[in-house]
Amino acid sequence: MSNTVAAYAALSAGAPLVPHTIELRDVGPLDVRIDIRFAGICHSDIHTVRDEWGPAKYPVVPGHEITGVVAAVGSAVTRFAVGDRVGVGCLVDSCGECANCVRGEEQYCSNGNVQTYNAVGKDGKITQGGYAQSVVVTERFVCHIPDGLALDVAAPLLCAGITTYAPLRRWGAGPGKRVAVVGLGGLGHMAVKLARAMGADVTVLSQTLKKREDGLALGATAYYATEDPATFGSLAGAFDLILNTVSAPLDLDAYLSLLAVDGVLAGVGAPAEPMTLHAGSLLFQRRTLAGSIIGGLRETQEMLDFCAAHGLGAQVEVIGVEQINEAYERVLASDVRYRFVIDTAGLDRGRSNG
């Protein structure tokens, strides 16, 4: 089994992704080698390869929504066997010893976790992601994909799914709760599905009514256009939880006004610009402004099991590797319903020594 595998990589900022080859590490005692079948395209991939989130470590092989099949396991691996259907999300390592890691919240590792790509692993090498034929990952950071989930629709759950599941669980989405989802994109469409499956009453707040039919089909009971000023007056105090999935600046005072007493506005997007608010928007109704990133490995497995039990997967458009650059442009134009997923089967055809 060769450690040299085909991939697609960005070689510099602003350059298109091209065929490339990477070297995997040897499978250590606690490692799992995965033959990748599908890799979702996350907006984070685009930000990273275009050097918009700090210095990128080129060449960059993106991809942190990975599903595939176990090809080899280390001598001390106990949770996986060759042939298992598995997934890898945004993290591939952490210290495992700090209070957050022990609590199962590796995403908040006090000593710094290791991202799936564009990070420095404990071996000192740059991590490379899922736009590749294979990946080697420490057992602790691999999840089982339940039989009820197809690998293509499961891939985006490793980021978009857990990013929305975690705050919905954290702030109590469930029967009797009124949840609003801001934005109906890759994250928002999963938030609607998950909140509805949890038993909440779900409303979509989108800039226009363009996707109203989609939102209602996904499980929302109401859909409002935020470009209409009347929306904020008619929905004042209407929600217990608002999950903001967009990465554009919001009028925080306006959205906080939609919360009931003790309501929470939780953000999972990352606007580049700072946002402001008046203290009274929080004080007078005991409201909370919060944020959340992905979830730990235990919660990610819980989310996958929940999705399988409720028949939930991402709405995906499966593409070949030769369509990656086109897909990036379409993501930027919001021209996808609702997540691109790369079928990695074609990688070997474009194999290069990079």
Protein backbone atom coordinates (compact mmCIF):
# COMPACT_ATOMS: atom_id res chain seq x y z
CA MET A 1 0.00 0.00 0.00
CA SER A 2 1.76 3.12 -1.23
CA ASN A 3 1.98 6.22 0.93
CA THR A 4 1.97 8.39 -2.21
CA VAL A 5 -1.61 9.29 -3.12
CA ALA A 6 -3.32 11.57 -5.62
CA ALA A 7 -4.96 14.78 -4.46
CA TYR A 8 -6.16 18.21 -5.58
CA ALA A 9 -4.26 21.14 -4.12
CA ALA A 10 -3.91 24.90 -4.21
CA LEU A 11 -0.25 25.72 -4.83
CA SER A 12 -0.51 29.45 -4.13
CA ALA A 13 -3.04 32.12 -3.16
CA GLY A 14 -5.52 32.82 -5.94
CA ALA A 15 -4.39 29.88 -8.04
CA PRO A 16 -6.89 27.22 -9.13
CA LEU A 17 -6.71 23.81 -7.51
CA VAL A 18 -4.72 21.34 -9.58
CA PRO A 19 -3.83 17.62 -9.53
CA HIS A 20 -1.11 16.94 -6.99
CA THR A 21 0.39 14.09 -4.99
CA ILE A 22 0.96 13.91 -1.25
CA GLU A 23 2.80 11.56 1.08
CA LEU A 24 0.81 9.99 3.90
CA ARG A 25 2.49 9.05 7.14
CA ASP A 26 2.93 5.39 7.99
CA VAL A 27 0.04 3.87 9.91
CA GLY A 28 1.07 4.03 13.56
CA PRO A 29 -0.29 1.85 16.40
CA LEU A 30 -3.29 4.15 17.02
CA ASP A 31 -3.85 5.24 13.42
CA VAL A 32 -6.56 4.47 10.91
CA ARG A 33 -5.95 4.72 7.16
CA ILE A 34 -9.08 5.65 5.22
CA ASP A 35 -9.74 5.33 1.51
CA ILE A 36 -11.74 8.49 0.86
CA ARG A 37 -14.94 8.17 -1.14
CA PHE A 38 -16.45 11.65 -0.73
CA ALA A 39 -15.31 15.07 0.49
CA GLY A 40 -17.65 17.98 1.03
CA ILE A 41 -16.77 21.52 -0.04
CA CYS A 42 -17.04 23.96 2.86
CA HIS A 43 -16.79 27.72 2.48
CA SER A 44 -13.84 27.46 4.87
CA ASP A 45 -11.94 25.57 2.18
CA ILE A 46 -12.24 28.54 -0.15
CA HIS A 47 -11.18 31.07 2.49
CA THR A 48 -8.14 28.95 3.35
CA VAL A 49 -6.82 28.21 -0.13
CA ARG A 50 -7.24 31.88 -1.07
CA ASP A 51 -5.20 32.91 1.97
CA GLU A 52 -8.07 34.90 3.48
CA TRP A 53 -7.82 33.49 7.00
CA GLY A 54 -4.17 34.00 7.76
CA PRO A 55 -1.05 32.49 6.19
CA ALA A 56 -1.85 29.35 4.22
CA LYS A 57 0.76 26.61 4.17
CA TYR A 58 1.02 25.78 0.48
CA PRO A 59 0.45 23.41 -1.11
CA VAL A 60 -2.97 23.14 0.58
CA VAL A 61 -5.14 20.06 0.10
CA PRO A 62 -8.47 21.20 1.61
CA GLY A 63 -11.40 19.16 2.86
CA HIS A 64 -12.71 18.50 6.37
CA GLU A 65 -15.97 16.76 5.46
CA ILE A 66 -14.59 13.31 4.73
CA THR A 67 -16.28 9.93 4.37
CA GLY A 68 -14.76 6.67 3.26
CA VAL A 69 -13.83 3.11 4.13
CA VAL A 70 -11.12 1.88 6.49
CA ALA A 71 -8.19 0.45 4.52
CA ALA A 72 -5.77 -0.33 7.38
CA VAL A 73 -5.58 -0.03 11.16
CA GLY A 74 -2.72 0.20 13.62
CA SER A 75 -1.85 -2.58 16.03
CA ALA A 76 -3.46 -0.83 19.04
CA VAL A 77 -6.68 0.30 17.30
CA THR A 78 -9.77 -1.15 18.99
CA ARG A 79 -12.74 0.77 17.58
CA PHE A 80 -12.34 0.17 13.85
CA ALA A 81 -11.67 -2.65 11.41
CA VAL A 82 -10.83 -2.79 7.73
CA GLY A 83 -13.99 -2.23 5.70
CA ASP A 84 -15.77 -0.01 8.25
CA ARG A 85 -17.60 3.06 6.92
CA VAL A 86 -16.12 6.10 8.64
CA GLY A 87 -15.89 9.86 8.63
CA VAL A 88 -13.43 12.58 9.61
CA GLY A 89 -14.37 16.17 10.36
CA CYS A 90 -12.52 19.38 11.17
CA LEU A 91 -10.05 18.00 13.70
CA VAL A 92 -7.41 15.26 13.59
CA ASP A 93 -5.69 15.68 16.96
CA SER A 94 -5.66 17.46 20.31
CA CYS A 95 -3.78 17.14 23.59
CA GLY A 96 -6.33 14.72 25.04
CA GLU A 97 -5.40 15.81 28.57
CA CYS A 98 -6.81 19.29 29.26
CA ALA A 99 -10.18 19.76 30.95
CA ASN A 100 -11.91 20.47 27.65
CA CYS A 101 -10.53 17.37 25.92
CA VAL A 102 -11.41 15.16 28.90
CA ARG A 103 -14.93 16.60 28.74
CA GLY A 104 -15.15 15.57 25.09
CA GLU A 105 -14.84 19.09 23.72
CA GLU A 106 -11.66 18.76 21.70
CA GLN A 107 -12.69 21.74 19.58
CA TYR A 108 -11.82 23.91 22.59
CA CYS A 109 -8.55 22.14 23.46
CA SER A 110 -6.64 24.42 25.84
CA ASN A 111 -3.33 23.41 24.28
CA GLY A 112 -4.47 23.85 20.70
CA ASN A 113 -6.10 21.21 18.54
CA VAL A 114 -4.83 20.14 15.12
CA GLN A 115 -7.04 21.03 12.16
CA THR A 116 -7.59 18.48 9.40
CA TYR A 117 -5.67 20.57 6.88
CA ASN A 118 -3.35 23.59 6.79
CA ALA A 119 -2.14 22.87 10.31
CA VAL A 120 1.02 21.49 11.84
CA GLY A 121 0.58 17.96 13.20
CA LYS A 122 2.41 16.55 16.18
CA ASP A 123 4.92 15.03 13.75
CA GLY A 124 5.80 18.53 12.57
CA LYS A 125 4.31 18.00 9.12
CA ILE A 126 1.51 20.01 7.49
CA THR A 127 -1.85 18.26 7.59
CA GLN A 128 -3.61 17.64 4.29
CA GLY A 129 -7.35 17.17 3.90
CA GLY A 130 -10.00 15.21 2.10
CA TYR A 131 -9.53 16.22 -1.53
CA ALA A 132 -7.34 13.14 -1.78
CA GLN A 133 -7.48 9.39 -2.28
CA SER A 134 -6.61 8.53 1.33
CA VAL A 135 -5.88 9.98 4.72
CA VAL A 136 -4.27 8.66 7.93
CA VAL A 137 -5.94 9.82 11.15
CA THR A 138 -5.57 8.98 14.84
CA GLU A 139 -8.34 6.57 15.89
CA ARG A 140 -9.80 9.01 18.44
CA PHE A 141 -10.72 11.45 15.66
CA VAL A 142 -12.53 9.00 13.40
CA CYS A 143 -16.31 8.50 13.57
CA HIS A 144 -18.46 5.56 12.48
CA ILE A 145 -20.93 6.33 9.69
CA PRO A 146 -24.13 4.44 10.59
CA ASP A 147 -25.52 2.05 7.99
CA GLY A 148 -28.59 4.24 7.52
CA LEU A 149 -26.51 7.09 6.05
CA ALA A 150 -25.15 7.11 2.49
CA LEU A 151 -21.54 8.28 2.38
CA ASP A 152 -22.22 11.19 0.02
CA VAL A 153 -24.98 12.83 2.10
CA ALA A 154 -23.08 12.05 5.30
CA ALA A 155 -19.93 13.95 4.28
CA PRO A 156 -21.24 17.49 5.00
CA LEU A 157 -22.52 16.33 8.37
CA LEU A 158 -18.89 16.22 9.57
CA CYS A 159 -18.84 20.04 9.48
CA ALA A 160 -22.20 21.58 8.53
CA GLY A 161 -24.09 18.97 10.53
CA ILE A 162 -22.16 19.18 13.78
CA THR A 163 -21.75 22.97 13.51
CA THR A 164 -25.53 23.35 13.72
CA TYR A 165 -26.34 20.31 15.88
CA ALA A 166 -24.07 21.42 18.74
CA PRO A 167 -25.71 24.81 19.45
CA LEU A 168 -29.21 23.43 18.90
CA ARG A 169 -28.53 20.82 21.58
CA ARG A 170 -26.65 23.24 23.81
CA TRP A 171 -29.49 25.75 23.95
CA GLY A 172 -32.34 23.32 24.14
CA ALA A 173 -34.02 23.04 20.74
CA GLY A 174 -36.88 20.62 21.28
CA PRO A 175 -40.64 20.27 21.75
CA GLY A 176 -42.26 23.55 22.71
CA LYS A 177 -39.25 25.62 21.65
CA ARG A 178 -39.46 28.28 18.97
CA VAL A 179 -36.30 28.27 16.86
CA ALA A 180 -35.38 30.67 14.06
CA VAL A 181 -32.61 29.91 11.57
CA VAL A 182 -30.94 32.88 9.89
CA GLY A 183 -29.88 31.96 6.36
CA LEU A 184 -30.72 28.91 4.26
CA GLY A 185 -27.40 27.72 2.89
CA GLY A 186 -25.07 24.83 3.59
CA LEU A 187 -25.35 25.35 7.35
CA GLY A 188 -28.87 26.73 7.48
CA HIS A 189 -30.53 23.89 5.61
CA MET A 190 -29.06 21.39 8.10
CA ALA A 191 -30.15 23.58 11.03
CA VAL A 192 -33.74 23.49 9.78
CA LYS A 193 -33.69 19.71 9.36
CA LEU A 194 -32.09 19.08 12.74
CA ALA A 195 -34.22 21.52 14.74
CA ARG A 196 -37.38 20.07 13.23
CA ALA A 197 -36.24 16.51 14.01
CA MET A 198 -35.57 17.60 17.60
CA GLY A 199 -39.22 18.65 17.84
CA ALA A 200 -38.87 22.43 17.70
CA ASP A 201 -41.10 24.80 15.78
CA VAL A 202 -38.77 26.21 13.09
CA THR A 203 -38.84 29.53 11.24
CA VAL A 204 -36.39 30.60 8.52
CA LEU A 205 -35.23 34.21 8.42
CA SER A 206 -33.67 34.90 5.02
CA GLN A 207 -32.92 38.11 3.20
CA THR A 208 -35.56 37.38 0.56
CA LEU A 209 -38.32 34.85 -0.04
CA LYS A 210 -36.37 33.26 -2.91
CA LYS A 211 -35.88 29.95 -1.09
CA ARG A 212 -39.19 29.89 0.75
CA GLU A 213 -40.43 26.73 -0.96
CA ASP A 214 -37.20 24.94 -0.09
CA GLY A 215 -37.31 26.05 3.52
CA LEU A 216 -40.84 24.80 4.06
CA ALA A 217 -40.02 21.49 2.33
CA LEU A 218 -37.04 21.03 4.67
CA GLY A 219 -39.30 21.32 7.71
CA ALA A 220 -39.75 25.00 8.54
CA THR A 221 -43.28 26.04 9.48
CA ALA A 222 -42.72 29.70 8.55
CA TYR A 223 -40.39 31.73 6.37
CA TYR A 224 -39.81 35.49 6.51
CA ALA A 225 -37.80 37.97 4.45
CA THR A 226 -35.50 40.12 6.60
CA GLU A 227 -35.27 42.75 3.85
CA ASP A 228 -38.87 43.63 4.80
CA PRO A 229 -38.70 45.93 7.87
CA ALA A 230 -42.16 44.75 8.92
CA THR A 231 -40.69 41.34 9.71
CA PHE A 232 -38.94 42.60 12.81
CA GLY A 233 -42.03 44.29 14.17
CA SER A 234 -44.31 41.32 13.58
CA LEU A 235 -41.89 38.81 15.14
CA ALA A 236 -40.78 40.82 18.19
CA GLY A 237 -40.20 38.47 21.13
CA ALA A 238 -41.22 35.44 19.08
CA PHE A 239 -38.27 33.05 19.54
CA ASP A 240 -36.47 31.15 22.27
CA LEU A 241 -33.40 30.50 20.13
CA ILE A 242 -32.08 32.10 16.96
CA LEU A 243 -29.25 30.28 15.18
CA ASN A 244 -27.37 32.64 12.88
CA THR A 245 -25.66 30.64 10.11
CA VAL A 246 -24.54 33.51 7.87
CA SER A 247 -21.10 35.11 7.72
CA ALA A 248 -22.33 38.61 6.92
CA PRO A 249 -22.68 41.33 9.58
CA LEU A 250 -26.11 41.54 11.21
CA ASP A 251 -28.00 44.32 12.93
CA LEU A 252 -27.65 42.59 16.28
CA ASP A 253 -30.14 44.86 18.05
CA ALA A 254 -32.80 44.04 15.47
CA TYR A 255 -32.27 40.28 15.75
CA LEU A 256 -32.04 40.34 19.54
CA SER A 257 -35.43 42.06 19.58
CA LEU A 258 -36.91 38.87 18.13
CA LEU A 259 -36.03 36.90 21.28
CA ALA A 260 -38.30 36.24 24.22
CA VAL A 261 -37.10 36.66 27.80
CA ASP A 262 -34.02 34.43 28.32
CA GLY A 263 -33.74 33.88 24.57
CA VAL A 264 -30.40 33.13 22.93
CA LEU A 265 -28.93 34.43 19.67
CA ALA A 266 -26.17 31.96 18.78
CA GLY A 267 -23.80 32.57 15.90
CA VAL A 268 -21.90 29.93 13.95
CA GLY A 269 -20.81 32.13 11.03
CA ALA A 270 -17.65 34.24 11.09
CA PRO A 271 -18.15 37.74 9.64
CA ALA A 272 -14.89 39.50 8.86
CA GLU A 273 -16.23 42.84 10.12
CA PRO A 274 -16.91 43.66 13.80
CA MET A 275 -20.52 44.09 14.88
CA THR A 276 -21.97 46.39 17.53
CA LEU A 277 -25.02 46.34 19.80
CA HIS A 278 -26.69 48.33 22.54
CA ALA A 279 -26.42 46.82 26.01
CA GLY A 280 -30.14 47.28 26.53
CA SER A 281 -30.82 44.67 23.84
CA LEU A 282 -29.41 42.11 26.27
CA LEU A 283 -30.23 43.59 29.67
CA PHE A 284 -33.92 44.29 29.55
CA GLN A 285 -35.08 40.83 28.48
CA ARG A 286 -32.15 38.86 29.98
CA ARG A 287 -31.12 37.78 26.49
CA THR A 288 -27.86 36.05 25.58
CA LEU A 289 -25.55 36.58 22.61
CA ALA A 290 -23.43 33.48 22.10
CA GLY A 291 -21.20 31.66 19.63
CA SER A 292 -20.31 28.06 18.86
CA ILE A 293 -17.87 26.08 16.72
CA ILE A 294 -18.35 22.48 15.57
CA GLY A 295 -18.48 19.88 18.37
CA GLY A 296 -16.29 17.31 20.07
CA LEU A 297 -15.89 13.77 18.83
CA ARG A 298 -18.49 12.24 21.17
CA GLU A 299 -21.06 14.81 20.12
CA THR A 300 -20.17 14.37 16.45
CA GLN A 301 -20.84 10.64 16.72
CA GLU A 302 -24.09 11.41 18.56
CA MET A 303 -25.09 13.73 15.71
CA LEU A 304 -24.37 11.08 13.07
CA ASP A 305 -26.42 8.52 14.98
CA PHE A 306 -29.25 11.04 15.37
CA CYS A 307 -29.24 11.77 11.64
CA ALA A 308 -29.32 8.08 10.79
CA ALA A 309 -32.18 7.48 13.22
CA HIS A 310 -34.22 10.32 11.69
CA GLY A 311 -33.30 9.76 8.05
CA LEU A 312 -31.41 13.04 7.77
CA GLY A 313 -28.60 13.81 5.36
CA ALA A 314 -27.35 16.93 3.66
CA GLN A 315 -28.89 18.08 0.39
CA VAL A 316 -25.94 17.57 -1.93
CA GLU A 317 -24.78 18.00 -5.50
CA VAL A 318 -22.12 15.37 -6.21
CA ILE A 319 -19.34 16.51 -8.55
CA GLY A 320 -16.19 15.07 -10.06
CA VAL A 321 -12.73 16.32 -9.10
CA GLU A 322 -12.43 18.20 -12.39
CA GLN A 323 -15.36 20.40 -11.31
CA ILE A 324 -13.83 21.64 -8.05
CA ASN A 325 -12.79 25.09 -9.29
CA GLU A 326 -16.15 25.65 -10.94
CA ALA A 327 -17.86 24.57 -7.73
CA TYR A 328 -15.85 27.13 -5.74
CA GLU A 329 -17.17 29.91 -7.98
CA ARG A 330 -20.69 28.61 -7.63
CA VAL A 331 -20.39 28.52 -3.83
CA LEU A 332 -19.32 32.17 -3.88
CA ALA A 333 -22.35 32.94 -6.05
CA SER A 334 -24.66 30.99 -3.68
CA ASP A 335 -25.48 28.72 -6.61
CA VAL A 336 -25.77 25.38 -4.82
CA ARG A 337 -28.62 23.52 -3.11
CA TYR A 338 -27.03 23.10 -0.56
CA ARG A 339 -23.61 21.47 -0.42
CA PHE A 340 -21.15 20.28 -3.06
CA VAL A 341 -19.64 16.87 -2.43
CA ILE A 342 -16.63 15.63 -4.40
CA ASP A 343 -16.62 12.04 -5.63
CA THR A 344 -12.92 11.26 -5.27
CA ALA A 345 -13.03 8.31 -7.68
CA GLY A 346 -11.56 10.43 -10.48
CA LEU A 347 -8.47 11.57 -8.58
CA ASP A 348 -6.12 8.99 -10.00
CA ARG A 349 -6.91 10.04 -13.58
CA GLY A 350 -5.31 13.42 -12.97
CA ARG A 351 -2.45 12.19 -10.84
CA SER A 352 0.65 14.35 -10.96
CA ASN A 353 3.92 14.57 -9.12
CA GLY A 354 2.88 18.12 -8.23
